[in-house]
C-alpha cells in the first residue's frame, strides 16, 4: 500500500511517503510557520521528488489527535481536502500510537511512555510495548496529570522509554522520584509522519468524511463558554 502521511499535532510538521512499510521519503519543518502554510507545499515537494501524483496513492493518513487543537484541525482538514479532490480514502490514527513507533529503538521489554504537554498541568499519554515489530497498546489515550502518571509508573518494573514533547519533563520528574527512565534519542523524541504511515498501514482506509479530530478534552474557548454559562 502506498500511503501519504501527515503529522501536524505539535510544533513541527512533517509529511512522509511509505510503501508497504518502507519509507520512501520524509520531510520535516519546525520553523515557526503555521501548519496551514507548510503542509501543502511539503506534500507537493514530496510527491514531485518521488515522481508520483496524488491519484497514484492508495490512501492519505493523518494524526487526528490528541495534540494542539489548531494543529490537529489543520491536519485533518488538509487530508480531507486532498482525499475529496483525488477521490482517495483516508486513515486517521492516534498521535500517541504513531509516536510509539519510535519505540522500535527501545530496549527489549521496555514500556514506551508517549507523552505530550497538554498544558493546564496535564499530559496526553498512552503506554505501549514493542512486540513482533509493532507497538502494542497497554492503555487508551488519555489526559493525565504528571503526579498520576508517576504513581502508575511506580508499579511498573520494566524500564520506561519516554517519547514526545513532554518526555524531558517526565524524565526529570521520574529521576527525582527514583523511577527507571530512558529518554529517546533526539531524532526519535518527537512524532513524525513516518509513524503515522506505519500506524495507518495496520488500519482499513475509510471515506474521508468519516475522518474526525480527537481532542480528549474541551478546547479553551469551550471551557470559557461553559464557565460564562455557569
Protein backbone atom coordinates (compact mmCIF):
# COMPACT_ATOMS: atom_id res chain seq x y z
CA UNK A 1 0.00 0.00 0.00
CA UNK A 2 1.33 3.45 -0.95
CA UNK A 3 0.48 5.95 1.80
CA UNK A 4 1.00 9.68 2.11
CA UNK A 5 1.03 10.60 5.81
CA UNK A 6 0.81 13.99 7.52
CA UNK A 7 1.67 14.95 11.10
CA UNK A 8 0.75 18.40 12.43
CA UNK A 9 -0.33 17.77 16.02
CA UNK A 10 2.55 19.68 17.64
CA UNK A 11 5.04 22.45 16.76
CA UNK A 12 6.78 20.52 13.97
CA UNK A 13 5.01 19.47 10.79
CA UNK A 14 6.02 16.51 8.66
CA UNK A 15 4.95 14.56 5.60
CA UNK A 16 6.05 11.09 4.54
CA UNK A 17 5.57 8.60 1.75
CA UNK A 18 5.64 4.90 2.64
CA UNK A 19 5.08 1.83 0.50
CA UNK A 20 4.30 -1.44 2.30
CA UNK A 21 6.08 -0.32 5.45
CA UNK A 22 9.14 1.07 3.68
CA UNK A 23 9.89 4.78 4.00
CA UNK A 24 10.31 6.33 0.54
CA UNK A 25 10.68 9.96 1.57
CA UNK A 26 10.03 12.27 4.51
CA UNK A 27 10.27 15.99 5.15
CA UNK A 28 10.05 17.83 8.48
CA UNK A 29 9.71 21.54 9.20
CA UNK A 30 9.92 23.26 12.58
CA UNK A 31 10.41 26.86 11.51
CA UNK A 32 7.61 28.58 13.41
CA UNK A 33 5.29 28.92 10.40
CA UNK A 34 1.71 27.76 10.81
CA UNK A 35 0.95 24.29 9.51
CA UNK A 36 -1.62 25.77 7.14
CA UNK A 37 1.31 27.38 5.31
CA UNK A 38 3.69 24.43 5.37
CA UNK A 39 1.73 21.20 4.89
CA UNK A 40 0.56 21.51 1.29
CA UNK A 41 3.91 22.80 -0.06
CA UNK A 42 5.59 19.89 1.75
CA UNK A 43 3.18 17.42 0.14
CA UNK A 44 3.72 18.92 -3.31
CA UNK A 45 7.52 18.80 -2.92
CA UNK A 46 7.42 15.25 -1.59
CA UNK A 47 5.29 13.92 -4.46
CA UNK A 48 7.35 15.72 -7.08
CA UNK A 49 10.58 14.41 -5.60
CA UNK A 50 9.23 10.85 -5.67
CA UNK A 51 7.87 11.23 -9.19
CA UNK A 52 4.33 10.48 -8.04
CA UNK A 53 0.91 12.02 -8.49
CA UNK A 54 -1.70 12.26 -5.76
CA UNK A 55 -4.07 9.97 -7.67
CA UNK A 56 -1.47 7.17 -7.58
CA UNK A 57 -1.71 6.88 -3.80
CA UNK A 58 -3.74 4.19 -2.08
CA UNK A 59 -4.62 6.35 0.95
CA UNK A 60 -3.76 9.54 2.83
CA UNK A 61 -3.20 9.29 6.58
CA UNK A 62 -3.08 11.86 9.35
CA UNK A 63 -2.51 12.09 13.08
CA UNK A 64 -6.01 13.07 14.23
CA UNK A 65 -5.14 13.74 17.87
CA UNK A 66 -4.63 14.28 20.64
CA UNK A 67 -2.42 17.32 20.33
CA UNK A 68 -2.64 21.01 19.50
CA UNK A 69 -6.28 21.80 18.76
CA UNK A 70 -5.32 24.06 15.86
CA UNK A 71 -2.65 21.71 14.52
CA UNK A 72 -4.95 18.69 14.59
CA UNK A 73 -7.74 20.60 12.82
CA UNK A 74 -5.34 21.78 10.12
CA UNK A 75 -4.05 18.26 9.53
CA UNK A 76 -7.49 16.66 9.38
CA UNK A 77 -8.88 19.40 7.12
CA UNK A 78 -5.89 19.17 4.77
CA UNK A 79 -6.26 15.41 4.40
CA UNK A 80 -10.00 15.69 3.79
CA UNK A 81 -9.38 18.21 1.04
CA UNK A 82 -6.70 16.05 -0.59
CA UNK A 83 -8.85 12.93 -0.43
CA UNK A 84 -12.02 14.55 -1.72
CA UNK A 85 -10.16 16.17 -4.60
CA UNK A 86 -8.43 12.96 -5.69
CA UNK A 87 -11.20 10.55 -4.60
CA UNK A 88 -8.90 8.75 -2.17
CA UNK A 89 -9.70 7.06 1.16
CA UNK A 90 -8.31 8.42 4.42
CA UNK A 91 -6.91 6.94 7.62
CA UNK A 92 -6.91 8.77 10.95
CA UNK A 93 -4.52 7.48 13.61
CA UNK A 94 -3.81 8.32 17.22
CA UNK A 95 -0.94 10.78 17.57
CA UNK A 96 0.34 8.78 20.54
CA UNK A 97 0.18 5.47 18.68
CA UNK A 98 2.09 6.99 15.76
CA UNK A 99 4.68 8.27 18.22
CA UNK A 100 5.00 4.81 19.76
CA UNK A 101 6.64 3.55 16.56
CA UNK A 102 9.76 5.39 17.72
CA UNK A 103 9.84 2.76 20.46
CA UNK A 104 11.48 0.41 17.97
CA UNK A 105 14.71 1.85 19.40
CA UNK A 106 13.76 0.98 23.00
CA UNK A 107 15.47 -1.85 24.89
CA UNK A 108 13.67 -5.18 24.77
CA UNK A 109 10.89 -5.34 27.34
CA UNK A 110 10.73 -1.59 27.90
CA UNK A 111 7.42 0.21 28.32
CA UNK A 112 7.07 3.01 25.77
CA UNK A 113 5.62 6.06 27.51
CA UNK A 114 4.32 8.55 24.93
CA UNK A 115 3.77 11.99 26.44
CA UNK A 116 2.73 15.35 25.01
CA UNK A 117 2.45 18.56 27.01
CA UNK A 118 -1.30 19.22 27.18
CA UNK A 119 -0.94 22.40 29.29
CA UNK A 120 -3.14 23.07 32.33
CA UNK A 121 -0.86 20.72 34.37
CA UNK A 122 -1.76 17.72 32.21
CA UNK A 123 -0.14 15.39 29.71
CA UNK A 124 -1.60 13.50 26.79
CA UNK A 125 -0.33 9.99 27.40
CA UNK A 126 -0.54 6.35 26.40
CA UNK A 127 1.63 3.35 27.25
CA UNK A 128 2.84 0.69 24.81
CA UNK A 129 5.22 -2.20 24.49
CA UNK A 130 7.00 -3.06 21.24
CA UNK A 131 6.35 -6.67 20.26
CA UNK A 132 6.56 -8.55 16.96
CA UNK A 133 7.76 -5.44 15.18
CA UNK A 134 4.94 -3.11 16.21
CA UNK A 135 3.62 -1.17 19.24
CA UNK A 136 1.11 -3.00 21.44
CA UNK A 137 -1.20 -0.74 23.42
CA UNK A 138 -1.34 -1.05 27.24
CA UNK A 139 -3.90 1.70 27.90
CA UNK A 140 -6.15 4.10 25.97
CA UNK A 141 -5.12 7.64 25.05
CA UNK A 142 -5.82 9.94 27.99
CA UNK A 143 -5.23 13.34 29.56
CA UNK A 144 -3.46 12.73 32.86
CA UNK A 145 -1.51 14.74 35.43
CA UNK A 146 2.21 14.16 35.89
CA UNK A 147 1.63 13.07 39.50
CA UNK A 148 -0.93 10.47 38.38
CA UNK A 149 1.45 9.17 35.74
CA UNK A 150 4.29 8.90 38.26
CA UNK A 151 2.10 6.85 40.60
CA UNK A 152 1.25 4.48 37.75
CA UNK A 153 4.85 4.18 36.56
CA UNK A 154 5.93 3.38 40.10
CA UNK A 155 4.19 0.00 39.77
CA UNK A 156 5.97 -0.91 36.53
CA UNK A 157 9.19 -2.87 36.94
CA UNK A 158 10.38 -2.60 33.33
CA UNK A 159 12.43 0.36 32.08
CA UNK A 160 10.38 3.30 30.82
CA UNK A 161 11.24 4.66 27.36
CA UNK A 162 9.99 8.25 27.05
CA UNK A 163 8.91 9.76 23.73
CA UNK A 164 7.24 13.09 22.94
CA UNK A 165 7.47 16.81 23.64
CA UNK A 166 6.69 16.06 27.29
CA UNK A 167 9.44 13.42 27.53
CA UNK A 168 12.13 15.63 29.08
CA UNK A 169 9.73 17.00 31.70
CA UNK A 170 8.73 13.45 32.68
CA UNK A 171 12.33 12.21 32.56
CA UNK A 172 13.46 14.77 35.13
CA UNK A 173 10.49 14.05 37.39
CA UNK A 174 10.94 10.28 37.13
CA UNK A 175 14.61 10.51 38.06
CA UNK A 176 13.85 12.76 41.04
CA UNK A 177 11.38 10.13 42.28
CA UNK A 178 13.75 7.21 41.69
CA UNK A 179 11.79 5.78 38.77
CA UNK A 180 13.68 3.98 35.95
CA UNK A 181 13.52 6.02 32.76
CA UNK A 182 15.24 6.29 29.40
CA UNK A 183 14.92 9.31 27.13
CA UNK A 184 14.51 8.62 23.42
CA UNK A 185 17.44 9.85 21.29
CA UNK A 186 16.85 13.39 19.98
CA UNK A 187 15.99 12.30 16.38
CA UNK A 188 13.33 9.96 17.79
CA UNK A 189 11.99 12.14 20.57
CA UNK A 190 9.05 13.61 18.65
CA UNK A 191 6.34 12.17 16.45
CA UNK A 192 6.77 12.19 12.68
CA UNK A 193 4.69 11.37 9.63
CA UNK A 194 6.62 8.10 9.27
CA UNK A 195 4.98 6.82 12.47
CA UNK A 196 1.60 7.98 11.16
CA UNK A 197 2.13 5.96 7.98
CA UNK A 198 3.19 2.87 9.91
CA UNK A 199 0.15 3.07 12.20
CA UNK A 200 -2.14 3.70 9.23
CA UNK A 201 -0.87 0.61 7.41
CA UNK A 202 -2.47 -1.50 10.16
CA UNK A 203 -5.91 0.05 9.63
CA UNK A 204 -8.54 -0.08 6.91
CA UNK A 205 -8.88 3.15 4.90
CA UNK A 206 -12.31 4.78 5.02
CA UNK A 207 -14.13 7.58 3.19
CA UNK A 208 -12.67 10.96 4.11
CA UNK A 209 -15.97 12.25 5.51
CA UNK A 210 -15.57 9.82 8.42
CA UNK A 211 -12.29 11.43 9.44
CA UNK A 212 -12.71 13.39 12.68
CA UNK A 213 -10.29 15.08 15.10
CA UNK A 214 -9.85 13.57 18.57
CA UNK A 215 -9.20 16.13 21.31
CA UNK A 216 -9.71 14.14 24.58
CA UNK A 217 -10.86 17.30 26.35
CA UNK A 218 -12.64 20.60 25.67
CA UNK A 219 -10.81 23.47 23.98
CA UNK A 220 -10.06 26.65 25.93
CA UNK A 221 -12.83 28.50 24.10
CA UNK A 222 -15.34 25.79 25.02
CA UNK A 223 -14.20 25.80 28.66
CA UNK A 224 -14.56 29.58 28.86
CA UNK A 225 -18.01 29.40 27.28
CA UNK A 226 -19.14 26.81 29.81
CA UNK A 227 -17.77 28.97 32.63
CA UNK A 228 -19.72 32.01 31.37
CA UNK A 229 -22.90 29.93 31.15
CA UNK A 230 -22.45 28.90 34.76
